[in-house]
Amino acid sequence: MNILLKPVITEKMSRDGEDFNRYGFVVPRNVNKVEIKNAVESMYGVTVKSVNTMVTPGKSKSRYTKRGVVQGSTSTVKKAVVTLVDGDIIDFYSSI
């Protein structure tokens, strides 16, 4: 099972990575903090200080088109914010 689905790369997370050594990942909803910690340490070869998780609930969306109202929803997402010890970094752009 793949625990780290994708990194969260936004302006805020980039700033947190530079200033506070924090990195964000999208993870499946059924994994816990210990599994996330082990996955980050084994994949990137760093030492994790702490893991914080949050579940962002999905929202219903609607838009107006020529054929009428189109309704749908966004999916519920679980995110993990991983804080590393001082001196360790994760470079997401090294493999591009």
N, C-alpha and C. Protein backbone atom coordinates (compact mmCIF):
# COMPACT_ATOMS: atom_id res chain seq x y z
N MET A 1 0.85 -1.18 0.00
CA MET A 1 0.00 0.00 0.00
C MET A 1 0.89 1.24 0.00
N ASN A 2 0.59 2.18 -0.86
CA ASN A 2 1.35 3.41 -0.94
C ASN A 2 0.80 4.40 0.08
N ILE A 3 1.63 4.82 1.03
CA ILE A 3 1.16 5.68 2.11
C ILE A 3 1.22 7.15 1.72
N LEU A 4 2.29 7.58 1.07
CA LEU A 4 2.42 8.97 0.66
C LEU A 4 1.91 9.10 -0.77
N LEU A 5 0.70 9.62 -0.95
CA LEU A 5 0.11 9.70 -2.28
C LEU A 5 0.77 10.79 -3.12
N LYS A 6 0.88 12.00 -2.57
CA LYS A 6 1.56 13.09 -3.29
C LYS A 6 1.92 14.18 -2.29
N PRO A 7 2.96 14.95 -2.61
CA PRO A 7 3.30 16.07 -1.72
C PRO A 7 2.36 17.25 -1.96
N VAL A 8 2.17 18.04 -0.92
CA VAL A 8 1.40 19.27 -1.03
C VAL A 8 2.39 20.39 -1.32
N ILE A 9 2.34 20.92 -2.54
CA ILE A 9 3.28 21.96 -2.95
C ILE A 9 2.48 23.24 -3.20
N THR A 10 2.45 24.09 -2.20
CA THR A 10 1.80 25.38 -2.28
C THR A 10 2.78 26.44 -1.78
N GLU A 11 2.41 27.69 -1.91
CA GLU A 11 3.29 28.76 -1.43
C GLU A 11 3.47 28.67 0.08
N LYS A 12 2.39 28.39 0.79
CA LYS A 12 2.46 28.31 2.25
C LYS A 12 3.33 27.14 2.70
N MET A 13 3.17 25.97 2.07
CA MET A 13 3.98 24.82 2.47
C MET A 13 5.44 25.00 2.08
N SER A 14 5.71 25.70 0.97
CA SER A 14 7.10 25.98 0.60
C SER A 14 7.75 26.90 1.63
N ARG A 15 7.00 27.90 2.08
CA ARG A 15 7.52 28.81 3.10
C ARG A 15 7.73 28.06 4.43
N ASP A 16 6.80 27.18 4.81
CA ASP A 16 6.97 26.39 6.03
C ASP A 16 8.18 25.46 5.92
N GLY A 17 8.43 24.93 4.73
CA GLY A 17 9.60 24.08 4.54
C GLY A 17 10.89 24.83 4.74
N GLU A 18 10.93 26.06 4.26
CA GLU A 18 12.15 26.86 4.41
C GLU A 18 12.32 27.37 5.84
N ASP A 19 11.24 27.84 6.45
CA ASP A 19 11.34 28.48 7.76
C ASP A 19 11.29 27.50 8.93
N PHE A 20 10.39 26.52 8.88
CA PHE A 20 10.15 25.65 10.03
C PHE A 20 10.47 24.18 9.79
N ASN A 21 10.97 23.85 8.58
CA ASN A 21 11.34 22.47 8.25
C ASN A 21 10.11 21.55 8.28
N ARG A 22 8.97 22.04 7.74
CA ARG A 22 7.72 21.26 7.68
C ARG A 22 7.37 20.98 6.23
N TYR A 23 6.86 19.78 5.99
CA TYR A 23 6.48 19.37 4.64
C TYR A 23 5.12 18.69 4.69
N GLY A 24 4.30 18.91 3.67
CA GLY A 24 2.95 18.36 3.65
C GLY A 24 2.79 17.26 2.61
N PHE A 25 1.95 16.28 2.94
CA PHE A 25 1.67 15.15 2.05
C PHE A 25 0.18 14.83 2.11
N VAL A 26 -0.36 14.37 0.99
CA VAL A 26 -1.70 13.80 0.95
C VAL A 26 -1.56 12.31 1.21
N VAL A 27 -2.35 11.80 2.16
CA VAL A 27 -2.25 10.39 2.57
C VAL A 27 -3.64 9.76 2.56
N PRO A 28 -3.72 8.43 2.50
CA PRO A 28 -5.02 7.77 2.61
C PRO A 28 -5.64 8.01 3.99
N ARG A 29 -6.96 7.94 4.07
CA ARG A 29 -7.64 8.26 5.32
C ARG A 29 -7.46 7.20 6.40
N ASN A 30 -7.04 6.00 6.04
CA ASN A 30 -6.96 4.92 7.04
C ASN A 30 -5.56 4.71 7.62
N VAL A 31 -4.60 5.58 7.34
CA VAL A 31 -3.26 5.43 7.90
C VAL A 31 -3.12 6.30 9.14
N ASN A 32 -2.23 5.88 10.04
CA ASN A 32 -2.02 6.64 11.26
C ASN A 32 -0.66 7.35 11.22
N LYS A 33 -0.36 8.09 12.29
CA LYS A 33 0.84 8.92 12.33
C LYS A 33 2.12 8.09 12.32
N VAL A 34 2.11 6.94 12.96
CA VAL A 34 3.30 6.09 13.02
C VAL A 34 3.63 5.56 11.62
N GLU A 35 2.61 5.14 10.87
CA GLU A 35 2.84 4.67 9.51
C GLU A 35 3.35 5.79 8.60
N ILE A 36 2.82 7.00 8.77
CA ILE A 36 3.28 8.14 7.98
C ILE A 36 4.73 8.44 8.31
N LYS A 37 5.08 8.43 9.58
CA LYS A 37 6.46 8.71 10.01
C LYS A 37 7.43 7.69 9.41
N ASN A 38 7.08 6.41 9.49
CA ASN A 38 7.96 5.36 8.94
C ASN A 38 8.10 5.49 7.42
N ALA A 39 7.01 5.86 6.73
CA ALA A 39 7.07 5.99 5.27
C ALA A 39 7.96 7.15 4.86
N VAL A 40 7.86 8.29 5.54
CA VAL A 40 8.69 9.45 5.19
C VAL A 40 10.16 9.16 5.48
N GLU A 41 10.44 8.53 6.61
CA GLU A 41 11.82 8.22 6.95
C GLU A 41 12.45 7.24 5.98
N SER A 42 11.70 6.24 5.55
CA SER A 42 12.27 5.25 4.63
C SER A 42 12.37 5.79 3.20
N MET A 43 11.41 6.62 2.77
CA MET A 43 11.43 7.11 1.39
C MET A 43 12.46 8.21 1.17
N TYR A 44 12.60 9.12 2.13
CA TYR A 44 13.47 10.28 1.93
C TYR A 44 14.77 10.21 2.74
N GLY A 45 14.92 9.24 3.65
CA GLY A 45 16.14 9.10 4.42
C GLY A 45 16.36 10.25 5.39
N VAL A 46 15.30 10.72 6.05
CA VAL A 46 15.38 11.82 7.00
C VAL A 46 14.86 11.34 8.36
N THR A 47 15.02 12.16 9.39
CA THR A 47 14.51 11.85 10.71
C THR A 47 13.33 12.77 11.00
N VAL A 48 12.18 12.17 11.35
CA VAL A 48 10.95 12.92 11.57
C VAL A 48 10.84 13.26 13.06
N LYS A 49 10.58 14.55 13.33
CA LYS A 49 10.37 14.99 14.71
C LYS A 49 8.92 14.80 15.14
N SER A 50 7.96 15.22 14.29
CA SER A 50 6.55 15.09 14.63
C SER A 50 5.70 15.00 13.37
N VAL A 51 4.49 14.47 13.53
CA VAL A 51 3.53 14.36 12.43
C VAL A 51 2.19 14.89 12.92
N ASN A 52 1.62 15.83 12.18
CA ASN A 52 0.28 16.33 12.45
C ASN A 52 -0.60 15.97 11.26
N THR A 53 -1.83 15.53 11.53
CA THR A 53 -2.74 15.15 10.46
C THR A 53 -4.01 15.99 10.53
N MET A 54 -4.66 16.13 9.37
CA MET A 54 -5.94 16.83 9.30
C MET A 54 -6.78 16.21 8.19
N VAL A 55 -8.08 16.19 8.39
CA VAL A 55 -9.00 15.69 7.38
C VAL A 55 -9.80 16.88 6.88
N THR A 56 -9.68 17.14 5.57
CA THR A 56 -10.42 18.23 4.95
C THR A 56 -11.67 17.65 4.31
N PRO A 57 -12.86 17.99 4.84
CA PRO A 57 -14.07 17.39 4.28
C PRO A 57 -14.37 17.92 2.89
N GLY A 58 -15.04 17.08 2.09
CA GLY A 58 -15.43 17.47 0.74
C GLY A 58 -16.55 18.50 0.76
N LYS A 59 -16.68 19.24 -0.33
CA LYS A 59 -17.72 20.26 -0.44
C LYS A 59 -18.57 19.98 -1.67
N SER A 60 -19.83 20.37 -1.59
CA SER A 60 -20.67 20.26 -2.78
C SER A 60 -20.47 21.50 -3.63
N LYS A 61 -20.38 21.29 -4.92
CA LYS A 61 -20.13 22.37 -5.87
C LYS A 61 -21.25 22.39 -6.90
N SER A 62 -21.56 23.56 -7.41
CA SER A 62 -22.51 23.67 -8.51
C SER A 62 -22.08 24.82 -9.41
N ARG A 63 -22.38 24.68 -10.70
CA ARG A 63 -22.08 25.75 -11.65
C ARG A 63 -23.21 25.81 -12.67
N TYR A 64 -23.35 26.96 -13.23
CA TYR A 64 -24.43 27.20 -14.16
C TYR A 64 -23.90 27.16 -15.59
N THR A 65 -24.53 26.34 -16.42
CA THR A 65 -24.13 26.19 -17.81
C THR A 65 -25.35 26.46 -18.70
N LYS A 66 -25.16 26.34 -20.03
CA LYS A 66 -26.26 26.55 -20.96
C LYS A 66 -27.36 25.50 -20.76
N ARG A 67 -26.98 24.32 -20.34
CA ARG A 67 -27.95 23.23 -20.17
C ARG A 67 -28.57 23.20 -18.79
N GLY A 68 -28.18 24.11 -17.93
CA GLY A 68 -28.75 24.14 -16.58
C GLY A 68 -27.66 24.05 -15.52
N VAL A 69 -28.07 23.67 -14.34
CA VAL A 69 -27.16 23.60 -13.21
C VAL A 69 -26.49 22.23 -13.18
N VAL A 70 -25.16 22.22 -13.12
CA VAL A 70 -24.39 20.99 -12.98
C VAL A 70 -23.91 20.91 -11.55
N GLN A 71 -24.23 19.82 -10.87
CA GLN A 71 -23.85 19.67 -9.47
C GLN A 71 -22.88 18.52 -9.30
N GLY A 72 -21.98 18.67 -8.36
CA GLY A 72 -21.01 17.64 -8.05
C GLY A 72 -20.43 17.91 -6.68
N SER A 73 -19.35 17.20 -6.36
CA SER A 73 -18.71 17.42 -5.06
C SER A 73 -17.23 17.13 -5.15
N THR A 74 -16.46 17.74 -4.25
CA THR A 74 -15.04 17.44 -4.14
C THR A 74 -14.88 16.33 -3.13
N SER A 75 -13.78 15.62 -3.20
CA SER A 75 -13.58 14.48 -2.32
C SER A 75 -12.97 14.91 -0.99
N THR A 76 -13.16 14.08 0.02
CA THR A 76 -12.56 14.30 1.33
C THR A 76 -11.10 13.86 1.27
N VAL A 77 -10.21 14.68 1.82
CA VAL A 77 -8.77 14.44 1.71
C VAL A 77 -8.15 14.49 3.10
N LYS A 78 -7.22 13.56 3.38
CA LYS A 78 -6.44 13.60 4.61
C LYS A 78 -5.05 14.09 4.27
N LYS A 79 -4.56 15.07 5.03
CA LYS A 79 -3.23 15.63 4.82
C LYS A 79 -2.39 15.40 6.06
N ALA A 80 -1.09 15.24 5.85
CA ALA A 80 -0.15 15.09 6.96
C ALA A 80 0.92 16.16 6.82
N VAL A 81 1.18 16.88 7.91
CA VAL A 81 2.26 17.86 7.95
C VAL A 81 3.36 17.26 8.82
N VAL A 82 4.52 17.04 8.20
CA VAL A 82 5.64 16.35 8.84
C VAL A 82 6.71 17.38 9.18
N THR A 83 7.13 17.41 10.44
CA THR A 83 8.22 18.29 10.87
C THR A 83 9.47 17.45 11.01
N LEU A 84 10.56 17.89 10.40
CA LEU A 84 11.83 17.17 10.44
C LEU A 84 12.75 17.79 11.48
N VAL A 85 13.75 17.02 11.91
CA VAL A 85 14.75 17.55 12.84
C VAL A 85 15.62 18.56 12.10
N ASP A 86 16.29 19.41 12.85
CA ASP A 86 17.14 20.43 12.25
C ASP A 86 18.26 19.78 11.45
N GLY A 87 18.51 20.30 10.26
CA GLY A 87 19.56 19.78 9.40
C GLY A 87 19.07 18.88 8.29
N ASP A 88 17.88 18.29 8.42
CA ASP A 88 17.32 17.44 7.37
C ASP A 88 16.40 18.26 6.49
N ILE A 89 16.44 18.00 5.19
CA ILE A 89 15.54 18.65 4.24
C ILE A 89 15.03 17.62 3.25
N ILE A 90 13.90 17.93 2.63
CA ILE A 90 13.35 17.13 1.54
C ILE A 90 13.30 18.04 0.32
N ASP A 91 13.91 17.62 -0.78
CA ASP A 91 13.92 18.40 -2.01
C ASP A 91 13.03 17.71 -3.02
N PHE A 92 11.83 18.25 -3.22
CA PHE A 92 10.87 17.65 -4.14
C PHE A 92 11.26 17.88 -5.60
N TYR A 93 12.08 18.88 -5.87
CA TYR A 93 12.40 19.26 -7.23
C TYR A 93 13.70 18.63 -7.73
N SER A 94 14.35 17.77 -6.96
CA SER A 94 15.63 17.22 -7.37
C SER A 94 15.49 16.21 -8.51
N SER A 95 14.34 15.55 -8.63
CA SER A 95 14.18 14.51 -9.65
C SER A 95 13.54 15.03 -10.94
N ILE A 96 13.36 16.33 -11.05
CA ILE A 96 12.73 16.90 -12.27
C ILE A 96 13.79 17.12 -13.33
